[in-house]
Amino acid sequence: MLLSKKIRLKITCTDQLSLEFMQAKCRGLYNWWIGKLRNGEQWQLYAAKKSLHSSKEHDKELNQVYGKLLAEVYFRIDKAMQAFYRRVKSGETPGFPRFRPRHAFFTLCYPASYLKIHNNQITLPTGGKGKNKQFPNIQAILTEKPPDKFKEVAVSRDSRGNYYCSFVFEAAGKTGKELQGTVAMDLGVKTLAVGVSSTGRNYQIGGFKGHAWFNKQLDKIRAKRAKCQKGSIRYRYLSNIYKKVAQKRRNKQLDSLHKATSSHRLQTG
């Protein structure tokens, strides 16, 4: 079974610019092909990959992007087109592949064999060679230990500007006595989930209980900020306070989920 472990990265401002440059170029290549397909271009994966050389001649900056990242763009388009053909064949709503927006980070997928990890420091290669190499290889620190024998790594960014590496790895099968029967679970509002098993056993997993307090605090900050002129010192100050309170709420929610799953694992184990 394949699993994914998401680990936060600690990188410098220079390396952030390198990641932003490469994801922007990959997104531009992706959107360029989607535009051609919308105008009636026939999609053939390997014929499209052969056109990468001519694309680099047209846009010299593509040479500064790692080649495996550019190749992955074509595979992502192929997966989107195959899903589109499948939906058309089955009579579902087709949903032609869409353009990727500028404000969203275009995930960069690195094969595992081209990465180097030493003492939780990961090296992400960039494009170019010798004197033509504009961006040095990215040196980032992983906040957790990565899994062993991972297959690929996906670099992403959240809405708060934090960068992450998602490691895809093969999970070993669990041994021991397998539980028989069925458990029906239902997500709750005041609790995380409730359920009942086929043997009549009831399950109740508690959830985060601070929603009302945090929502009240955020509403107060928004009300104060609404009275300020946009862009003023007071407005920016309240915006930073709002981000800190919202981040604290997210941390509390994650901590609550972690404790709930840990306690449930101990009880069932």
C-alpha atoms as a PDB file:
ATOM      1  CA  MET A   1       0.000   0.000   0.000  1.00  0.00           C
ATOM      2  CA  LEU A   2       1.300   3.428  -0.961  1.00  0.00           C
ATOM      3  CA  LEU A   3       1.343   6.129   1.698  1.00  0.00           C
ATOM      4  CA  SER A   4       2.431   9.758   1.697  1.00  0.00           C
ATOM      5  CA  LYS A   5       4.222  11.632   4.469  1.00  0.00           C
ATOM      6  CA  LYS A   6       4.163  15.434   4.318  1.00  0.00           C
ATOM      7  CA  ILE A   7       7.136  17.189   5.944  1.00  0.00           C
ATOM      8  CA  ARG A   8       7.677  20.918   6.258  1.00  0.00           C
ATOM      9  CA  LEU A   9      10.790  22.481   4.730  1.00  0.00           C
ATOM     10  CA  LYS A  10      13.073  25.178   6.090  1.00  0.00           C
ATOM     11  CA  ILE A  11      14.584  27.044   3.143  1.00  0.00           C
ATOM     12  CA  THR A  12      16.255  30.392   2.530  1.00  0.00           C
ATOM     13  CA  CYS A  13      14.725  33.284   0.599  1.00  0.00           C
ATOM     14  CA  THR A  14      17.062  32.582  -2.326  1.00  0.00           C
ATOM     15  CA  ASP A  15      15.894  28.968  -2.545  1.00  0.00           C
ATOM     16  CA  GLN A  16      12.286  30.122  -2.318  1.00  0.00           C
ATOM     17  CA  LEU A  17      12.854  32.284  -5.386  1.00  0.00           C
ATOM     18  CA  SER A  18      14.317  29.255  -7.185  1.00  0.00           C
ATOM     19  CA  LEU A  19      11.261  27.139  -6.390  1.00  0.00           C
ATOM     20  CA  GLU A  20       8.891  29.921  -7.412  1.00  0.00           C
ATOM     21  CA  PHE A  21      10.738  30.383 -10.708  1.00  0.00           C
ATOM     22  CA  MET A  22      10.636  26.678 -11.592  1.00  0.00           C
ATOM     23  CA  GLN A  23       6.986  26.204 -10.645  1.00  0.00           C
ATOM     24  CA  ALA A  24       6.016  29.287 -12.675  1.00  0.00           C
ATOM     25  CA  LYS A  25       7.771  27.942 -15.766  1.00  0.00           C
ATOM     26  CA  CYS A  26       6.210  24.483 -15.321  1.00  0.00           C
ATOM     27  CA  ARG A  27       2.781  26.057 -14.911  1.00  0.00           C
ATOM     28  CA  GLY A  28       3.347  28.171 -18.026  1.00  0.00           C
ATOM     29  CA  LEU A  29       4.254  25.078 -20.063  1.00  0.00           C
ATOM     30  CA  TYR A  30       1.208  23.252 -18.703  1.00  0.00           C
ATOM     31  CA  ASN A  31      -1.175  26.115 -19.514  1.00  0.00           C
ATOM     32  CA  TRP A  32       0.354  26.561 -22.978  1.00  0.00           C
ATOM     33  CA  TRP A  33      -0.447  22.951 -23.849  1.00  0.00           C
ATOM     34  CA  ILE A  34      -3.933  23.157 -22.346  1.00  0.00           C
ATOM     35  CA  GLY A  35      -4.564  26.193 -24.566  1.00  0.00           C
ATOM     36  CA  LYS A  36      -3.410  24.260 -27.631  1.00  0.00           C
ATOM     37  CA  LEU A  37      -5.646  21.313 -26.736  1.00  0.00           C
ATOM     38  CA  ARG A  38      -8.642  23.611 -26.267  1.00  0.00           C
ATOM     39  CA  ASN A  39      -8.013  24.957 -29.780  1.00  0.00           C
ATOM     40  CA  GLY A  40      -8.247  21.477 -31.296  1.00  0.00           C
ATOM     41  CA  GLU A  41      -4.689  20.139 -30.995  1.00  0.00           C
ATOM     42  CA  GLN A  42      -4.494  16.330 -30.902  1.00  0.00           C
ATOM     43  CA  TRP A  43      -2.859  14.975 -27.759  1.00  0.00           C
ATOM     44  CA  GLN A  44      -0.077  12.416 -28.091  1.00  0.00           C
ATOM     45  CA  LEU A  45       2.171  12.071 -25.072  1.00  0.00           C
ATOM     46  CA  TYR A  46       5.492  11.156 -26.651  1.00  0.00           C
ATOM     47  CA  ALA A  47       5.036  13.467 -29.618  1.00  0.00           C
ATOM     48  CA  ALA A  48       4.415  16.286 -27.138  1.00  0.00           C
ATOM     49  CA  LYS A  49       7.546  15.389 -25.153  1.00  0.00           C
ATOM     50  CA  LYS A  50       9.640  15.615 -28.323  1.00  0.00           C
ATOM     51  CA  SER A  51       8.494  19.219 -28.724  1.00  0.00           C
ATOM     52  CA  LEU A  52      10.212  20.209 -25.453  1.00  0.00           C
ATOM     53  CA  HIS A  53      13.448  21.010 -27.290  1.00  0.00           C
ATOM     54  CA  SER A  54      11.692  23.516 -29.540  1.00  0.00           C
ATOM     55  CA  SER A  55       9.969  24.993 -26.467  1.00  0.00           C
ATOM     56  CA  LYS A  56      13.379  25.549 -24.864  1.00  0.00           C
ATOM     57  CA  GLU A  57      14.565  27.262 -28.038  1.00  0.00           C
ATOM     58  CA  HIS A  58      11.555  29.576 -27.879  1.00  0.00           C
ATOM     59  CA  ASP A  59      11.868  30.250 -24.125  1.00  0.00           C
ATOM     60  CA  LYS A  60      15.499  30.113 -22.976  1.00  0.00           C
ATOM     61  CA  GLU A  61      14.465  30.309 -19.311  1.00  0.00           C
ATOM     62  CA  LEU A  62      13.142  26.736 -19.514  1.00  0.00           C
ATOM     63  CA  ASN A  63      16.786  25.621 -19.528  1.00  0.00           C
ATOM     64  CA  GLN A  64      17.010  26.804 -15.901  1.00  0.00           C
ATOM     65  CA  VAL A  65      14.277  24.330 -14.861  1.00  0.00           C
ATOM     66  CA  TYR A  66      15.258  20.788 -13.897  1.00  0.00           C
ATOM     67  CA  GLY A  67      14.505  18.497 -16.857  1.00  0.00           C
ATOM     68  CA  LYS A  68      12.625  15.873 -14.837  1.00  0.00           C
ATOM     69  CA  LEU A  69      10.183  18.551 -13.647  1.00  0.00           C
ATOM     70  CA  LEU A  70       9.453  19.583 -17.231  1.00  0.00           C
ATOM     71  CA  ALA A  71       8.964  15.948 -18.253  1.00  0.00           C
ATOM     72  CA  GLU A  72       6.526  15.473 -15.378  1.00  0.00           C
ATOM     73  CA  VAL A  73       4.368  18.277 -16.814  1.00  0.00           C
ATOM     74  CA  TYR A  74       3.606  16.145 -19.888  1.00  0.00           C
ATOM     75  CA  PHE A  75       2.697  13.127 -17.758  1.00  0.00           C
ATOM     76  CA  ARG A  76       0.318  15.274 -15.697  1.00  0.00           C
ATOM     77  CA  ILE A  77      -1.364  16.531 -18.856  1.00  0.00           C
ATOM     78  CA  ASP A  78      -1.621  12.941 -20.100  1.00  0.00           C
ATOM     79  CA  LYS A  79      -3.314  11.825 -16.867  1.00  0.00           C
ATOM     80  CA  ALA A  80      -5.770  14.722 -17.112  1.00  0.00           C
ATOM     81  CA  MET A  81      -6.576  13.897 -20.752  1.00  0.00           C
ATOM     82  CA  GLN A  82      -6.999  10.187 -20.047  1.00  0.00           C
ATOM     83  CA  ALA A  83      -9.434  11.034 -17.240  1.00  0.00           C
ATOM     84  CA  PHE A  84     -11.277  13.345 -19.662  1.00  0.00           C
ATOM     85  CA  TYR A  85     -11.566  10.568 -22.275  1.00  0.00           C
ATOM     86  CA  ARG A  86     -12.780   8.122 -19.623  1.00  0.00           C
ATOM     87  CA  ARG A  87     -15.549  10.496 -18.497  1.00  0.00           C
ATOM     88  CA  VAL A  88     -16.652  11.093 -22.087  1.00  0.00           C
ATOM     89  CA  LYS A  89     -16.744   7.357 -22.783  1.00  0.00           C
ATOM     90  CA  SER A  90     -18.797   6.608 -19.656  1.00  0.00           C
ATOM     91  CA  GLY A  91     -21.275   9.422 -20.376  1.00  0.00           C
ATOM     92  CA  GLU A  92     -20.312  11.565 -17.395  1.00  0.00           C
ATOM     93  CA  THR A  93     -19.789  15.327 -17.386  1.00  0.00           C
ATOM     94  CA  PRO A  94     -16.579  15.616 -19.478  1.00  0.00           C
ATOM     95  CA  GLY A  95     -14.791  18.376 -17.567  1.00  0.00           C
ATOM     96  CA  PHE A  96     -11.954  19.320 -19.922  1.00  0.00           C
ATOM     97  CA  PRO A  97      -8.602  19.971 -18.151  1.00  0.00           C
ATOM     98  CA  ARG A  98      -8.407  23.506 -16.809  1.00  0.00           C
ATOM     99  CA  PHE A  99      -5.741  26.172 -16.753  1.00  0.00           C
ATOM    100  CA  ARG A 100      -3.698  26.404 -13.559  1.00  0.00           C
ATOM    101  CA  PRO A 101      -4.103  29.818 -11.861  1.00  0.00           C
ATOM    102  CA  ARG A 102      -1.117  32.055 -11.188  1.00  0.00           C
ATOM    103  CA  HIS A 103      -1.791  32.400  -7.453  1.00  0.00           C
ATOM    104  CA  ALA A 104      -1.716  28.611  -6.902  1.00  0.00           C
ATOM    105  CA  PHE A 105       1.599  26.777  -6.515  1.00  0.00           C
ATOM    106  CA  PHE A 106       2.254  24.242  -9.304  1.00  0.00           C
ATOM    107  CA  THR A 107       3.432  21.131  -7.453  1.00  0.00           C
ATOM    108  CA  LEU A 108       6.924  19.975  -8.439  1.00  0.00           C
ATOM    109  CA  CYS A 109       7.446  16.183  -8.543  1.00  0.00           C
ATOM    110  CA  TYR A 110      11.002  14.854  -8.178  1.00  0.00           C
ATOM    111  CA  PRO A 111      11.924  11.172  -8.746  1.00  0.00           C
ATOM    112  CA  ALA A 112      13.603   9.679  -5.685  1.00  0.00           C
ATOM    113  CA  SER A 113      16.728   8.529  -7.554  1.00  0.00           C
ATOM    114  CA  TYR A 114      17.723  12.137  -8.325  1.00  0.00           C
ATOM    115  CA  LEU A 115      17.550  13.444  -4.756  1.00  0.00           C
ATOM    116  CA  LYS A 116      20.174  13.484  -2.018  1.00  0.00           C
ATOM    117  CA  ILE A 117      19.291  13.406   1.692  1.00  0.00           C
ATOM    118  CA  HIS A 118      21.889  13.622   4.450  1.00  0.00           C
ATOM    119  CA  ASN A 119      21.089  14.338   8.111  1.00  0.00           C
ATOM    120  CA  ASN A 120      17.596  15.608   7.248  1.00  0.00           C
ATOM    121  CA  GLN A 121      19.045  17.969   4.632  1.00  0.00           C
ATOM    122  CA  ILE A 122      17.551  17.430   1.187  1.00  0.00           C
ATOM    123  CA  THR A 123      19.100  18.652  -2.066  1.00  0.00           C
ATOM    124  CA  LEU A 124      16.645  19.577  -4.827  1.00  0.00           C
ATOM    125  CA  PRO A 125      18.390  19.937  -8.205  1.00  0.00           C
ATOM    126  CA  THR A 126      17.763  22.872 -10.533  1.00  0.00           C
ATOM    127  CA  GLY A 127      18.347  23.290 -14.269  1.00  0.00           C
ATOM    128  CA  GLY A 128      21.394  24.453 -16.183  1.00  0.00           C
ATOM    129  CA  LYS A 129      25.039  23.374 -16.171  1.00  0.00           C
ATOM    130  CA  GLY A 130      28.327  25.124 -15.524  1.00  0.00           C
ATOM    131  CA  LYS A 131      28.374  28.824 -16.350  1.00  0.00           C
ATOM    132  CA  ASN A 132      24.808  28.627 -17.654  1.00  0.00           C
ATOM    133  CA  LYS A 133      23.431  27.524 -14.279  1.00  0.00           C
ATOM    134  CA  GLN A 134      21.498  30.517 -12.969  1.00  0.00           C
ATOM    135  CA  PHE A 135      20.078  28.945  -9.780  1.00  0.00           C
ATOM    136  CA  PRO A 136      22.218  26.718  -7.511  1.00  0.00           C
ATOM    137  CA  ASN A 137      20.790  23.455  -6.237  1.00  0.00           C
ATOM    138  CA  ILE A 138      18.306  24.007  -3.419  1.00  0.00           C
ATOM    139  CA  GLN A 139      19.500  23.016   0.062  1.00  0.00           C
ATOM    140  CA  ALA A 140      16.545  22.602   2.438  1.00  0.00           C
ATOM    141  CA  ILE A 141      16.168  21.255   5.967  1.00  0.00           C
ATOM    142  CA  LEU A 142      13.449  18.694   6.711  1.00  0.00           C
ATOM    143  CA  THR A 143      11.715  19.217  10.050  1.00  0.00           C
ATOM    144  CA  GLU A 144      11.111  15.451  10.388  1.00  0.00           C
ATOM    145  CA  LYS A 145      12.900  12.293   9.402  1.00  0.00           C
ATOM    146  CA  PRO A 146      11.815  11.156   5.918  1.00  0.00           C
ATOM    147  CA  PRO A 147      10.613   7.585   5.331  1.00  0.00           C
ATOM    148  CA  ASP A 148      12.957   4.971   3.928  1.00  0.00           C
ATOM    149  CA  LYS A 149      12.799   3.779   0.311  1.00  0.00           C
ATOM    150  CA  PHE A 150      10.449   6.492  -0.909  1.00  0.00           C
ATOM    151  CA  LYS A 151       9.512   6.558  -4.593  1.00  0.00           C
ATOM    152  CA  GLU A 152       9.046  10.248  -5.366  1.00  0.00           C
ATOM    153  CA  VAL A 153       8.848  13.626  -3.652  1.00  0.00           C
ATOM    154  CA  ALA A 154       6.262  16.327  -4.360  1.00  0.00           C
ATOM    155  CA  VAL A 155       7.181  19.894  -3.364  1.00  0.00           C
ATOM    156  CA  SER A 156       4.186  22.097  -2.545  1.00  0.00           C
ATOM    157  CA  ARG A 157       3.331  25.384  -0.825  1.00  0.00           C
ATOM    158  CA  ASP A 158       0.342  26.209   1.363  1.00  0.00           C
ATOM    159  CA  SER A 159      -1.641  29.444   1.523  1.00  0.00           C
ATOM    160  CA  ARG A 160       0.563  30.757   4.364  1.00  0.00           C
ATOM    161  CA  GLY A 161       3.769  30.513   2.324  1.00  0.00           C
ATOM    162  CA  ASN A 162       5.153  27.362   3.968  1.00  0.00           C
ATOM    163  CA  TYR A 163       6.873  24.785   1.749  1.00  0.00           C
ATOM    164  CA  TYR A 164       6.462  21.026   2.146  1.00  0.00           C
ATOM    165  CA  CYS A 165       7.875  17.789   0.750  1.00  0.00           C
ATOM    166  CA  SER A 166       5.444  14.876   0.388  1.00  0.00           C
ATOM    167  CA  PHE A 167       7.261  11.520   0.328  1.00  0.00           C
ATOM    168  CA  VAL A 168       5.439   8.645  -1.387  1.00  0.00           C
ATOM    169  CA  PHE A 169       6.545   5.277  -0.007  1.00  0.00           C
ATOM    170  CA  GLU A 170       5.426   1.678   0.184  1.00  0.00           C
ATOM    171  CA  ALA A 171       3.953   0.736   3.571  1.00  0.00           C
ATOM    172  CA  ALA A 172       4.633  -2.711   4.950  1.00  0.00           C
ATOM    173  CA  GLY A 173       1.573  -4.922   5.436  1.00  0.00           C
ATOM    174  CA  LYS A 174       0.326  -5.214   8.989  1.00  0.00           C
ATOM    175  CA  THR A 175       0.635  -8.595  10.664  1.00  0.00           C
ATOM    176  CA  GLY A 176      -1.440 -10.079  13.403  1.00  0.00           C
ATOM    177  CA  LYS A 177      -5.053 -10.956  13.913  1.00  0.00           C
ATOM    178  CA  GLU A 178      -7.345  -9.033  11.576  1.00  0.00           C
ATOM    179  CA  LEU A 179     -10.530  -7.607  12.972  1.00  0.00           C
ATOM    180  CA  GLN A 180     -13.718  -9.022  11.516  1.00  0.00           C
ATOM    181  CA  GLY A 181     -16.966  -7.150  11.006  1.00  0.00           C
ATOM    182  CA  THR A 182     -18.019  -3.689   9.917  1.00  0.00           C
ATOM    183  CA  VAL A 183     -17.921  -0.305  11.612  1.00  0.00           C
ATOM    184  CA  ALA A 184     -20.200   2.506  10.412  1.00  0.00           C
ATOM    185  CA  MET A 185     -18.792   5.973  11.172  1.00  0.00           C
ATOM    186  CA  ASP A 186     -20.482   9.366  10.970  1.00  0.00           C
ATOM    187  CA  LEU A 187     -18.740  12.733  11.239  1.00  0.00           C
ATOM    188  CA  GLY A 188     -20.170  14.926  13.966  1.00  0.00           C
ATOM    189  CA  VAL A 189     -20.285  18.620  14.838  1.00  0.00           C
ATOM    190  CA  LYS A 190     -19.532  18.613  18.561  1.00  0.00           C
ATOM    191  CA  THR A 191     -17.497  15.407  18.286  1.00  0.00           C
ATOM    192  CA  LEU A 192     -15.042  14.327  15.632  1.00  0.00           C
ATOM    193  CA  ALA A 193     -16.908  11.132  14.785  1.00  0.00           C
ATOM    194  CA  VAL A 194     -19.360   8.599  16.184  1.00  0.00           C
ATOM    195  CA  GLY A 195     -19.889   5.053  15.042  1.00  0.00           C
ATOM    196  CA  VAL A 196     -21.260   1.618  15.777  1.00  0.00           C
ATOM    197  CA  SER A 197     -19.856  -1.785  14.883  1.00  0.00           C
ATOM    198  CA  SER A 198     -21.686  -4.855  13.642  1.00  0.00           C
ATOM    199  CA  THR A 199     -21.315  -6.328  17.141  1.00  0.00           C
ATOM    200  CA  GLY A 200     -23.158  -3.380  18.704  1.00  0.00           C
ATOM    201  CA  ARG A 201     -20.117  -1.600  20.129  1.00  0.00           C
ATOM    202  CA  ASN A 202     -20.399   2.212  20.095  1.00  0.00           C
ATOM    203  CA  TYR A 203     -17.488   4.498  19.204  1.00  0.00           C
ATOM    204  CA  GLN A 204     -17.163   8.190  20.023  1.00  0.00           C
ATOM    205  CA  ILE A 205     -14.066  10.189  19.111  1.00  0.00           C
ATOM    206  CA  GLY A 206     -13.870  13.617  20.693  1.00  0.00           C
ATOM    207  CA  GLY A 207     -12.826  16.618  18.620  1.00  0.00           C
ATOM    208  CA  PHE A 208     -11.662  20.196  18.954  1.00  0.00           C
ATOM    209  CA  LYS A 209     -13.818  22.229  21.370  1.00  0.00           C
ATOM    210  CA  GLY A 210     -12.436  25.734  20.929  1.00  0.00           C
ATOM    211  CA  HIS A 211     -14.210  26.747  17.719  1.00  0.00           C
ATOM    212  CA  ALA A 212     -16.581  29.224  19.366  1.00  0.00           C
ATOM    213  CA  TRP A 213     -13.855  31.041  21.305  1.00  0.00           C
ATOM    214  CA  PHE A 214     -11.488  31.346  18.336  1.00  0.00           C
ATOM    215  CA  ASN A 215     -14.279  32.421  15.987  1.00  0.00           C
ATOM    216  CA  LYS A 216     -15.283  35.140  18.460  1.00  0.00           C
ATOM    217  CA  GLN A 217     -11.704  36.421  18.665  1.00  0.00           C
ATOM    218  CA  LEU A 218     -11.341  36.442  14.883  1.00  0.00           C
ATOM    219  CA  ASP A 219     -14.647  38.295  14.495  1.00  0.00           C
ATOM    220  CA  LYS A 220     -13.456  40.991  16.919  1.00  0.00           C
ATOM    221  CA  ILE A 221     -10.212  41.445  14.996  1.00  0.00           C
ATOM    222  CA  ARG A 222     -12.046  41.637  11.673  1.00  0.00           C
ATOM    223  CA  ALA A 223     -14.472  44.223  13.086  1.00  0.00           C
ATOM    224  CA  LYS A 224     -11.597  46.416  14.300  1.00  0.00           C
ATOM    225  CA  ARG A 225      -9.745  46.044  11.011  1.00  0.00           C
ATOM    226  CA  ALA A 226     -12.844  47.015   9.006  1.00  0.00           C
ATOM    227  CA  LYS A 227     -12.758  50.465  10.648  1.00  0.00           C
ATOM    228  CA  CYS A 228      -9.172  51.099   9.506  1.00  0.00           C
ATOM    229  CA  GLN A 229      -8.001  52.389   6.178  1.00  0.00           C
ATOM    230  CA  LYS A 230      -6.763  49.558   3.999  1.00  0.00           C
ATOM    231  CA  GLY A 231      -2.967  49.504   3.862  1.00  0.00           C
ATOM    232  CA  SER A 232      -2.456  51.655   6.955  1.00  0.00           C
ATOM    233  CA  ILE A 233      -0.107  50.694   9.790  1.00  0.00           C
ATOM    234  CA  ARG A 234      -3.042  49.784  12.037  1.00  0.00           C
ATOM    235  CA  TYR A 235      -4.625  47.694   9.253  1.00  0.00           C
ATOM    236  CA  ARG A 236      -1.409  45.735   8.661  1.00  0.00           C
ATOM    237  CA  TYR A 237      -0.910  45.244  12.400  1.00  0.00           C
ATOM    238  CA  LEU A 238      -4.410  43.767  12.835  1.00  0.00           C
ATOM    239  CA  SER A 239      -3.897  41.599   9.757  1.00  0.00           C
ATOM    240  CA  ASN A 240      -0.775  40.089  11.326  1.00  0.00           C
ATOM    241  CA  ILE A 241      -2.640  39.501  14.593  1.00  0.00           C
ATOM    242  CA  TYR A 242      -5.451  37.828  12.643  1.00  0.00           C
ATOM    243  CA  LYS A 243      -2.972  35.496  10.923  1.00  0.00           C
ATOM    244  CA  LYS A 244      -1.384  34.553  14.259  1.00  0.00           C
ATOM    245  CA  VAL A 245      -4.734  33.756  15.892  1.00  0.00           C
ATOM    246  CA  ALA A 246      -5.862  31.772  12.844  1.00  0.00           C
ATOM    247  CA  GLN A 247      -2.584  29.842  12.864  1.00  0.00           C
ATOM    248  CA  LYS A 248      -2.993  29.103  16.574  1.00  0.00           C
ATOM    249  CA  ARG A 249      -6.479  27.734  15.876  1.00  0.00           C
ATOM    250  CA  ARG A 250      -5.123  25.482  13.126  1.00  0.00           C
ATOM    251  CA  ASN A 251      -2.384  24.211  15.442  1.00  0.00           C
ATOM    252  CA  LYS A 252      -4.967  23.431  18.133  1.00  0.00           C
ATOM    253  CA  GLN A 253      -7.093  21.557  15.606  1.00  0.00           C
ATOM    254  CA  LEU A 254      -4.153  19.486  14.393  1.00  0.00           C
ATOM    255  CA  ASP A 255      -3.118  18.731  17.977  1.00  0.00           C
ATOM    256  CA  SER A 256      -6.663  17.646  18.801  1.00  0.00           C
ATOM    257  CA  LEU A 257      -6.800  15.340  15.771  1.00  0.00           C
ATOM    258  CA  HIS A 258      -3.409  13.874  16.651  1.00  0.00           C
ATOM    259  CA  LYS A 259      -4.449  13.159  20.245  1.00  0.00           C
ATOM    260  CA  ALA A 260      -7.779  11.674  19.141  1.00  0.00           C
ATOM    261  CA  THR A 261      -6.188   9.302  16.638  1.00  0.00           C
ATOM    262  CA  SER A 262      -3.402   8.341  19.060  1.00  0.00           C
ATOM    263  CA  SER A 263      -5.813   7.500  21.876  1.00  0.00           C
ATOM    264  CA  HIS A 264      -8.075   5.561  19.516  1.00  0.00           C
ATOM    265  CA  ARG A 265      -5.082   3.592  18.225  1.00  0.00           C
ATOM    266  CA  LEU A 266      -4.066   2.697  21.776  1.00  0.00           C
ATOM    267  CA  GLN A 267      -7.572   1.505  22.665  1.00  0.00           C
ATOM    268  CA  THR A 268      -8.003  -0.614  19.536  1.00  0.00           C
ATOM    269  CA  GLY A 269      -4.430  -1.909  19.664  1.00  0.00           C
END
